[in-house]
């Protein structure tokens, strides 16, 4: 790869910071395990001006769905405790007798459950102190939420379905979601820089070294009346105690990449250290033209955030805070872009314009390299 090719990407990232697309970011892209580019830009917090480093921890927001909750479900399927066709009532007995009873695990994973996209449950939960009781009440509210359409008939992207999936994981495993994914997935892979942060407790990071954590700040939250730093941005997840199926995962770009490498190995029909590869491939299958893989996202037909060059077989996801990853099994390309675009305000949506541009730059350089 030519220095000029890297300079174009450096310049695009630096310009994005200068133009206010995001205060800070880490960009990593790799050919499978081989990291080809890993650089930090901007600041973690506009108040302190502390520079972003490669070890800066970002709120991964909805990357929690594929990288924690969906993989936890995949592990349970690999272990024979669950299947994609399992009805919610059979995995979660409390759902018996409700209109959610015959929603399948696959419907929840593919956002075809009948549940609405979002509800601001945190406004009716005990505030401002989150905790276990609030978390149980949040899940009960989801279970009581009226369905908006017949399950399986269409797709509406929904946080609520992944709250139920986390409940399923905890019901079947007997441990909290964060404990399950760390014990079953992250720790066996020696990934110490992906973790949840439970509130109302002394947080002990599962990272290998003892250096202090540096977080990228997110938005000023009117409800909490402060700038969010080292706490989950999502209010429902915060009210539930910091750990939920739709949000709550924190991490570094390197941590996300290492987990993506395992997902890519599965998509390439290779053995993985955790979770049966065939289950991951089944998740990635769109099943006769469905819009979305199970637990993941795929490039949209128009205006894809992954740009113009990622194959249709690619899987990835976006996070509300300005995070994303994409994995292309056709050529082994992995990209991880972590930003704090919501700092200091969620109203900043310029990243929608920027994401396709940076991914096109990366894909062009990568394509040129593998053809050389």
Protein backbone atom coordinates (compact mmCIF):
# COMPACT_ATOMS: atom_id res chain seq x y z
CA UNK A 1 0.00 0.00 0.00
CA UNK A 2 1.32 3.41 -0.93
CA UNK A 3 1.82 6.15 1.66
CA UNK A 4 -0.50 8.34 -0.43
CA UNK A 5 -3.34 5.85 0.05
CA UNK A 6 -2.96 6.05 3.81
CA UNK A 7 -2.68 9.83 3.64
CA UNK A 8 -6.08 10.06 1.95
CA UNK A 9 -7.67 8.13 4.80
CA UNK A 10 -5.74 10.13 7.42
CA UNK A 11 -6.94 13.32 5.77
CA UNK A 12 -10.56 12.23 5.64
CA UNK A 13 -10.53 11.37 9.35
CA UNK A 14 -8.76 14.59 10.34
CA UNK A 15 -11.18 16.64 8.24
CA UNK A 16 -14.14 14.90 9.88
CA UNK A 17 -12.84 16.00 13.29
CA UNK A 18 -12.21 19.54 12.04
CA UNK A 19 -15.68 19.75 10.52
CA UNK A 20 -17.40 18.51 13.67
CA UNK A 21 -18.57 15.15 12.35
CA UNK A 22 -17.30 13.77 15.66
CA UNK A 23 -14.92 15.06 18.36
CA UNK A 24 -12.86 11.86 18.39
CA UNK A 25 -12.49 8.49 16.75
CA UNK A 26 -10.43 5.36 16.29
CA UNK A 27 -10.36 3.72 12.88
CA UNK A 28 -9.09 0.18 12.38
CA UNK A 29 -9.19 -1.94 9.27
CA UNK A 30 -7.63 -5.30 8.70
CA UNK A 31 -7.19 -8.24 6.41
CA UNK A 32 -8.51 -10.90 8.77
CA UNK A 33 -6.06 -10.98 11.71
CA UNK A 34 -3.54 -8.67 10.04
CA UNK A 35 -4.21 -5.09 11.12
CA UNK A 36 -3.32 -2.77 8.25
CA UNK A 37 -4.45 0.52 9.75
CA UNK A 38 -5.12 1.52 13.38
CA UNK A 39 -5.11 5.23 14.23
CA UNK A 40 -6.71 7.63 16.68
CA UNK A 41 -8.05 11.11 15.94
CA UNK A 42 -9.45 14.05 17.89
CA UNK A 43 -10.38 14.27 21.56
CA UNK A 44 -12.27 12.14 24.04
CA UNK A 45 -13.99 15.11 25.67
CA UNK A 46 -14.38 18.66 24.38
CA UNK A 47 -14.15 19.98 27.94
CA UNK A 48 -10.76 18.48 28.77
CA UNK A 49 -9.34 18.24 25.27
CA UNK A 50 -7.75 14.89 26.14
CA UNK A 51 -6.61 13.21 22.93
CA UNK A 52 -8.10 9.92 21.79
CA UNK A 53 -5.62 7.03 21.88
CA UNK A 54 -5.79 3.51 20.50
CA UNK A 55 -6.85 2.36 23.98
CA UNK A 56 -9.74 4.81 24.37
CA UNK A 57 -12.92 3.03 25.42
CA UNK A 58 -16.11 3.86 23.53
CA UNK A 59 -19.76 3.23 24.34
CA UNK A 60 -20.54 0.70 21.60
CA UNK A 61 -24.31 1.26 21.85
CA UNK A 62 -26.18 -1.11 19.51
CA UNK A 63 -23.05 -3.07 18.67
CA UNK A 64 -24.14 -4.78 21.90
CA UNK A 65 -26.81 -6.56 19.87
CA UNK A 66 -24.53 -8.57 17.53
CA UNK A 67 -21.35 -8.68 19.62
CA UNK A 68 -22.90 -9.69 22.94
CA UNK A 69 -26.57 -10.67 22.87
CA UNK A 70 -26.69 -12.42 19.48
CA UNK A 71 -23.44 -14.28 20.16
CA UNK A 72 -24.78 -15.34 23.56
CA UNK A 73 -27.88 -16.73 21.84
CA UNK A 74 -25.64 -18.44 19.26
CA UNK A 75 -23.68 -20.05 22.09
CA UNK A 76 -26.86 -21.39 23.66
CA UNK A 77 -27.88 -22.80 20.28
CA UNK A 78 -24.43 -24.36 19.87
CA UNK A 79 -24.84 -25.95 23.29
CA UNK A 80 -28.25 -27.39 22.37
CA UNK A 81 -30.15 -25.35 24.97
CA UNK A 82 -32.01 -23.32 22.37
CA UNK A 83 -32.87 -23.23 18.68
CA UNK A 84 -33.84 -20.43 16.32
CA UNK A 85 -37.31 -21.97 16.06
CA UNK A 86 -37.85 -22.05 19.83
CA UNK A 87 -40.94 -20.15 20.91
CA UNK A 88 -40.44 -17.43 23.48
CA UNK A 89 -42.87 -19.21 25.84
CA UNK A 90 -40.61 -22.27 25.85
CA UNK A 91 -37.42 -20.28 26.52
CA UNK A 92 -39.04 -17.80 28.89
CA UNK A 93 -41.96 -19.36 30.78
CA UNK A 94 -43.17 -15.96 32.00
CA UNK A 95 -44.21 -15.26 28.38
CA UNK A 96 -46.80 -18.07 28.45
CA UNK A 97 -50.32 -16.71 27.97
CA UNK A 98 -49.10 -13.44 26.45
CA UNK A 99 -49.24 -12.28 22.84
CA UNK A 100 -45.44 -12.81 22.77
CA UNK A 101 -45.73 -16.56 23.47
CA UNK A 102 -45.26 -17.76 19.89
CA UNK A 103 -42.64 -15.26 18.81
CA UNK A 104 -39.59 -17.31 17.82
CA UNK A 105 -35.98 -16.62 18.75
CA UNK A 106 -35.30 -16.09 15.03
CA UNK A 107 -38.02 -13.43 14.82
CA UNK A 108 -36.45 -11.57 17.72
CA UNK A 109 -32.98 -11.78 16.15
CA UNK A 110 -34.22 -10.54 12.76
CA UNK A 111 -36.42 -7.74 14.16
CA UNK A 112 -39.60 -9.47 12.96
CA UNK A 113 -41.21 -9.96 16.38
CA UNK A 114 -44.11 -7.51 16.09
CA UNK A 115 -42.61 -5.25 18.75
CA UNK A 116 -42.27 -1.49 18.18
CA UNK A 117 -38.87 0.08 17.58
CA UNK A 118 -38.50 1.87 20.90
CA UNK A 119 -40.29 3.01 24.01
CA UNK A 120 -38.98 5.45 26.63
CA UNK A 121 -39.58 3.12 29.54
CA UNK A 122 -36.94 4.86 31.66
CA UNK A 123 -39.38 7.72 32.22
CA UNK A 124 -41.68 5.45 34.19
CA UNK A 125 -38.96 3.53 36.06
CA UNK A 126 -37.58 4.50 39.47
CA UNK A 127 -35.26 7.47 38.94
CA UNK A 128 -32.63 8.67 39.17
CA UNK A 129 -31.18 5.51 40.79
CA UNK A 130 -31.06 2.49 38.48
CA UNK A 131 -30.81 -1.05 39.69
CA UNK A 132 -31.98 -4.64 39.67
CA UNK A 133 -35.61 -3.84 40.48
CA UNK A 134 -35.75 -1.30 37.66
CA UNK A 135 -34.20 -3.85 35.28
CA UNK A 136 -36.86 -6.43 36.08
CA UNK A 137 -39.58 -3.82 35.65
CA UNK A 138 -38.13 -2.75 32.28
CA UNK A 139 -38.35 -6.31 30.97
CA UNK A 140 -41.86 -6.70 32.31
CA UNK A 141 -42.88 -3.53 30.48
CA UNK A 142 -41.51 -4.98 27.23
CA UNK A 143 -43.45 -8.18 27.83
CA UNK A 144 -46.61 -6.12 28.36
CA UNK A 145 -46.03 -3.90 25.31
CA UNK A 146 -48.78 -4.37 22.66
CA UNK A 147 -47.55 -5.79 19.38
CA UNK A 148 -47.68 -3.48 16.37
CA UNK A 149 -47.93 -6.17 13.68
CA UNK A 150 -48.26 -9.93 13.27
CA UNK A 151 -44.95 -11.56 14.26
CA UNK A 152 -42.98 -12.67 11.22
CA UNK A 153 -44.98 -10.58 8.75
CA UNK A 154 -42.49 -7.71 8.36
CA UNK A 155 -39.40 -6.11 9.85
CA UNK A 156 -39.17 -3.17 12.25
CA UNK A 157 -35.77 -2.65 13.85
CA UNK A 158 -36.42 -2.93 17.58
CA UNK A 159 -34.42 -2.51 20.76
CA UNK A 160 -37.22 -4.24 22.62
CA UNK A 161 -36.68 -7.63 21.00
CA UNK A 162 -33.09 -7.72 22.21
CA UNK A 163 -34.16 -6.88 25.74
CA UNK A 164 -36.25 -10.05 25.62
CA UNK A 165 -33.32 -12.00 24.15
CA UNK A 166 -31.10 -10.95 27.05
CA UNK A 167 -33.82 -12.18 29.40
CA UNK A 168 -33.81 -15.51 27.54
CA UNK A 169 -30.03 -15.81 27.90
CA UNK A 170 -30.18 -15.13 31.63
CA UNK A 171 -33.17 -17.44 32.16
CA UNK A 172 -31.48 -20.39 30.44
CA UNK A 173 -27.95 -19.82 31.74
CA UNK A 174 -28.74 -18.67 35.26
CA UNK A 175 -26.23 -15.81 35.07
CA UNK A 176 -26.38 -12.17 34.03
CA UNK A 177 -25.74 -11.33 30.37
CA UNK A 178 -22.41 -9.60 31.01
CA UNK A 179 -21.13 -12.54 33.05
CA UNK A 180 -22.28 -15.02 30.41
CA UNK A 181 -20.62 -13.33 27.43
CA UNK A 182 -17.41 -12.73 29.34
CA UNK A 183 -17.16 -16.30 30.60
CA UNK A 184 -18.27 -17.99 27.39
CA UNK A 185 -16.94 -15.69 24.65
CA UNK A 186 -14.64 -12.81 25.60
CA UNK A 187 -12.42 -14.48 28.21
CA UNK A 188 -11.79 -17.68 26.18
CA UNK A 189 -10.66 -15.44 23.32
CA UNK A 190 -8.51 -13.37 25.71
CA UNK A 191 -10.47 -10.25 24.76
CA UNK A 192 -10.17 -8.08 27.84
CA UNK A 193 -11.26 -4.77 26.33
CA UNK A 194 -14.91 -5.58 25.66
CA UNK A 195 -17.10 -5.33 28.76
CA UNK A 196 -20.27 -4.00 30.34
CA UNK A 197 -20.22 -1.50 33.19
CA UNK A 198 -22.79 -2.35 35.88
CA UNK A 199 -24.01 0.67 37.84
CA UNK A 200 -24.31 0.91 41.62
CA UNK A 201 -21.27 -1.29 42.13
CA UNK A 202 -17.51 -1.06 42.22
CA UNK A 203 -16.61 -1.72 38.61
CA UNK A 204 -13.68 -4.10 38.16
CA UNK A 205 -12.58 -4.14 34.57
CA UNK A 206 -11.83 -7.55 33.04
CA UNK A 207 -8.86 -6.09 31.18
CA UNK A 208 -5.44 -7.66 31.45
CA UNK A 209 -3.40 -4.62 32.45
CA UNK A 210 -4.14 -2.24 35.31
CA UNK A 211 -3.82 1.05 33.48
CA UNK A 212 -6.69 3.45 34.08
CA UNK A 213 -9.56 3.50 31.64
CA UNK A 214 -10.05 6.53 29.44
CA UNK A 215 -13.59 6.86 28.10
CA UNK A 216 -14.86 8.86 25.17
CA UNK A 217 -17.58 11.19 26.44
CA UNK A 218 -21.02 10.97 24.87
CA UNK A 219 -23.97 13.35 25.07
CA UNK A 220 -25.33 15.74 27.65
CA UNK A 221 -28.35 13.87 28.97
CA UNK A 222 -31.27 16.14 30.00
CA UNK A 223 -32.78 13.36 32.09
CA UNK A 224 -29.59 12.67 34.05
CA UNK A 225 -28.64 16.35 33.91
CA UNK A 226 -25.00 15.73 33.10
CA UNK A 227 -22.51 14.89 30.37
CA UNK A 228 -22.25 11.13 30.09
CA UNK A 229 -18.80 9.66 30.68
CA UNK A 230 -18.17 6.02 31.53
CA UNK A 231 -21.91 5.30 31.78
CA UNK A 232 -24.11 3.80 29.10
CA UNK A 233 -25.64 6.45 26.85
CA UNK A 234 -28.94 4.63 26.35
CA UNK A 235 -31.43 5.64 29.05
CA UNK A 236 -33.35 2.34 29.13
CA UNK A 237 -30.13 0.38 29.58
CA UNK A 238 -28.96 2.84 32.24
CA UNK A 239 -32.25 2.59 34.16
CA UNK A 240 -31.92 -1.20 34.03
CA UNK A 241 -28.56 -1.02 35.77
CA UNK A 242 -26.21 -0.54 32.82
CA UNK A 243 -26.56 -3.99 31.29
CA UNK A 244 -29.15 -4.88 28.66
CA UNK A 245 -29.48 -6.81 25.44
CA UNK A 246 -29.71 -3.77 23.18
CA UNK A 247 -27.01 -1.54 24.71
CA UNK A 248 -24.39 -1.39 27.45
CA UNK A 249 -21.27 -2.89 25.87
CA UNK A 250 -18.09 -0.80 25.98
CA UNK A 251 -14.81 -1.46 24.24
CA UNK A 252 -11.86 -0.52 22.10
CA UNK A 253 -11.45 -0.86 18.35
CA UNK A 254 -8.87 -3.61 18.89
CA UNK A 255 -11.31 -5.58 21.02
CA UNK A 256 -14.06 -5.31 18.43
CA UNK A 257 -11.62 -6.39 15.71
CA UNK A 258 -10.51 -9.50 17.57
CA UNK A 259 -14.11 -10.61 18.00
CA UNK A 260 -14.87 -9.83 14.35
CA UNK A 261 -11.99 -12.13 13.37
CA UNK A 262 -13.83 -15.05 14.96
CA UNK A 263 -17.06 -14.14 13.16
CA UNK A 264 -15.16 -13.92 9.87
CA UNK A 265 -13.56 -17.33 10.43
CA UNK A 266 -17.03 -18.80 10.82
CA UNK A 267 -18.26 -17.11 7.64
CA UNK A 268 -15.23 -18.55 5.81
CA UNK A 269 -16.14 -22.08 6.95
CA UNK A 270 -13.21 -22.24 9.37
CA UNK A 271 -13.22 -23.46 12.92
CA UNK A 272 -13.58 -20.91 15.70
CA UNK A 273 -12.49 -21.01 19.33
CA UNK A 274 -15.99 -20.25 20.58
CA UNK A 275 -19.47 -20.99 19.18
CA UNK A 276 -20.13 -23.52 16.42
CA UNK A 277 -19.20 -21.92 13.07
CA UNK A 278 -22.29 -23.38 11.41
CA UNK A 279 -24.51 -21.44 13.82
CA UNK A 280 -22.83 -18.15 12.91
CA UNK A 281 -23.22 -18.93 9.21
CA UNK A 282 -26.88 -19.71 9.82
CA UNK A 283 -27.27 -16.32 11.52
CA UNK A 284 -25.65 -14.59 8.51
CA UNK A 285 -28.02 -16.27 6.07
CA UNK A 286 -30.86 -13.96 5.08
CA UNK A 287 -33.20 -16.92 4.66
CA UNK A 288 -34.89 -16.56 1.29
CA UNK A 289 -34.55 -12.84 0.79
CA UNK A 290 -35.16 -11.48 4.29
CA UNK A 291 -33.91 -7.95 4.78
CA UNK A 292 -31.58 -8.64 7.69
CA UNK A 293 -29.35 -11.43 9.01
CA UNK A 294 -30.08 -12.77 12.48
CA UNK A 295 -28.50 -10.48 15.07
CA UNK A 296 -26.50 -8.51 12.52
CA UNK A 297 -27.10 -5.99 9.75
CA UNK A 298 -26.10 -6.12 6.10
CA UNK A 299 -25.39 -3.43 3.49
CA UNK A 300 -28.63 -1.80 2.36
CA UNK A 301 -29.50 -1.65 -1.32
CA UNK A 302 -29.26 2.16 -1.41
CA UNK A 303 -27.14 4.60 0.57
CA UNK A 304 -25.39 1.85 2.50
CA UNK A 305 -23.34 3.08 5.46
CA UNK A 306 -20.66 0.60 4.36
CA UNK A 307 -20.33 2.39 1.03
CA UNK A 308 -20.43 0.89 -2.45
CA UNK A 309 -17.86 -1.89 -2.29
CA UNK A 310 -18.76 -4.24 0.56
CA UNK A 311 -20.28 -7.45 -0.81
CA UNK A 312 -23.86 -8.51 -0.21
CA UNK A 313 -22.54 -11.26 2.05
CA UNK A 314 -21.07 -8.70 4.43
CA UNK A 315 -22.36 -8.43 7.98
CA UNK A 316 -21.97 -5.61 10.46
CA UNK A 317 -23.88 -3.15 12.59
CA UNK A 318 -24.15 0.52 13.53
CA UNK A 319 -24.27 2.02 17.00
CA UNK A 320 -26.20 5.19 17.93
CA UNK A 321 -23.15 6.78 19.57
CA UNK A 322 -21.27 6.72 16.25
CA UNK A 323 -19.80 3.23 16.23
CA UNK A 324 -19.78 0.55 13.54
CA UNK A 325 -18.10 -2.57 12.23
CA UNK A 326 -18.26 -4.37 8.89
CA UNK A 327 -16.99 -7.82 7.92
CA UNK A 328 -16.72 -8.87 4.26
CA UNK A 329 -16.19 -12.63 3.90
CA UNK A 330 -15.63 -12.30 0.14
CA UNK A 331 -12.23 -10.67 0.66
CA UNK A 332 -11.45 -10.84 4.38
CA UNK A 333 -11.82 -7.11 5.02
CA UNK A 334 -12.80 -6.00 8.54
CA UNK A 335 -13.42 -2.35 9.39
CA UNK A 336 -14.07 -0.88 12.83
CA UNK A 337 -14.97 2.79 13.24
CA UNK A 338 -15.56 3.99 16.81
CA UNK A 339 -16.54 7.62 17.37
CA UNK A 340 -18.35 9.74 19.95
CA UNK A 341 -20.42 11.65 17.40
CA UNK A 342 -23.15 12.31 20.03
CA UNK A 343 -20.75 14.44 22.12
CA UNK A 344 -21.95 16.90 23.19
CA UNK A 345 -25.29 16.58 21.36
CA UNK A 346 -27.26 13.75 19.79
CA UNK A 347 -28.50 16.21 17.17
CA UNK A 348 -25.22 15.84 15.26
CA UNK A 349 -26.00 13.36 12.46
CA UNK A 350 -23.19 14.26 10.05
CA UNK A 351 -21.74 10.77 10.46
CA UNK A 352 -24.48 9.49 8.15
CA UNK A 353 -22.78 11.36 5.33
CA UNK A 354 -19.28 10.41 6.42
CA UNK A 355 -19.59 6.66 6.92
CA UNK A 356 -20.01 5.71 3.24
CA UNK A 357 -17.14 8.03 2.25
CA UNK A 358 -14.60 6.53 4.64
CA UNK A 359 -15.65 2.96 3.86
CA UNK A 360 -15.30 3.61 0.12
CA UNK A 361 -11.80 4.99 0.70
CA UNK A 362 -10.83 1.95 2.76
CA UNK A 363 -12.32 -0.55 0.31
CA UNK A 364 -10.59 1.11 -2.64
CA UNK A 365 -7.18 0.98 -0.96
CA UNK A 366 -7.75 -2.58 0.23
CA UNK A 367 -8.92 -3.78 -3.17
CA UNK A 368 -5.87 -2.25 -4.82
CA UNK A 369 -3.61 -3.97 -2.34
CA UNK A 370 -5.03 -7.49 -2.74
CA UNK A 371 -4.94 -7.15 -6.52
CA UNK A 372 -1.33 -5.96 -6.55
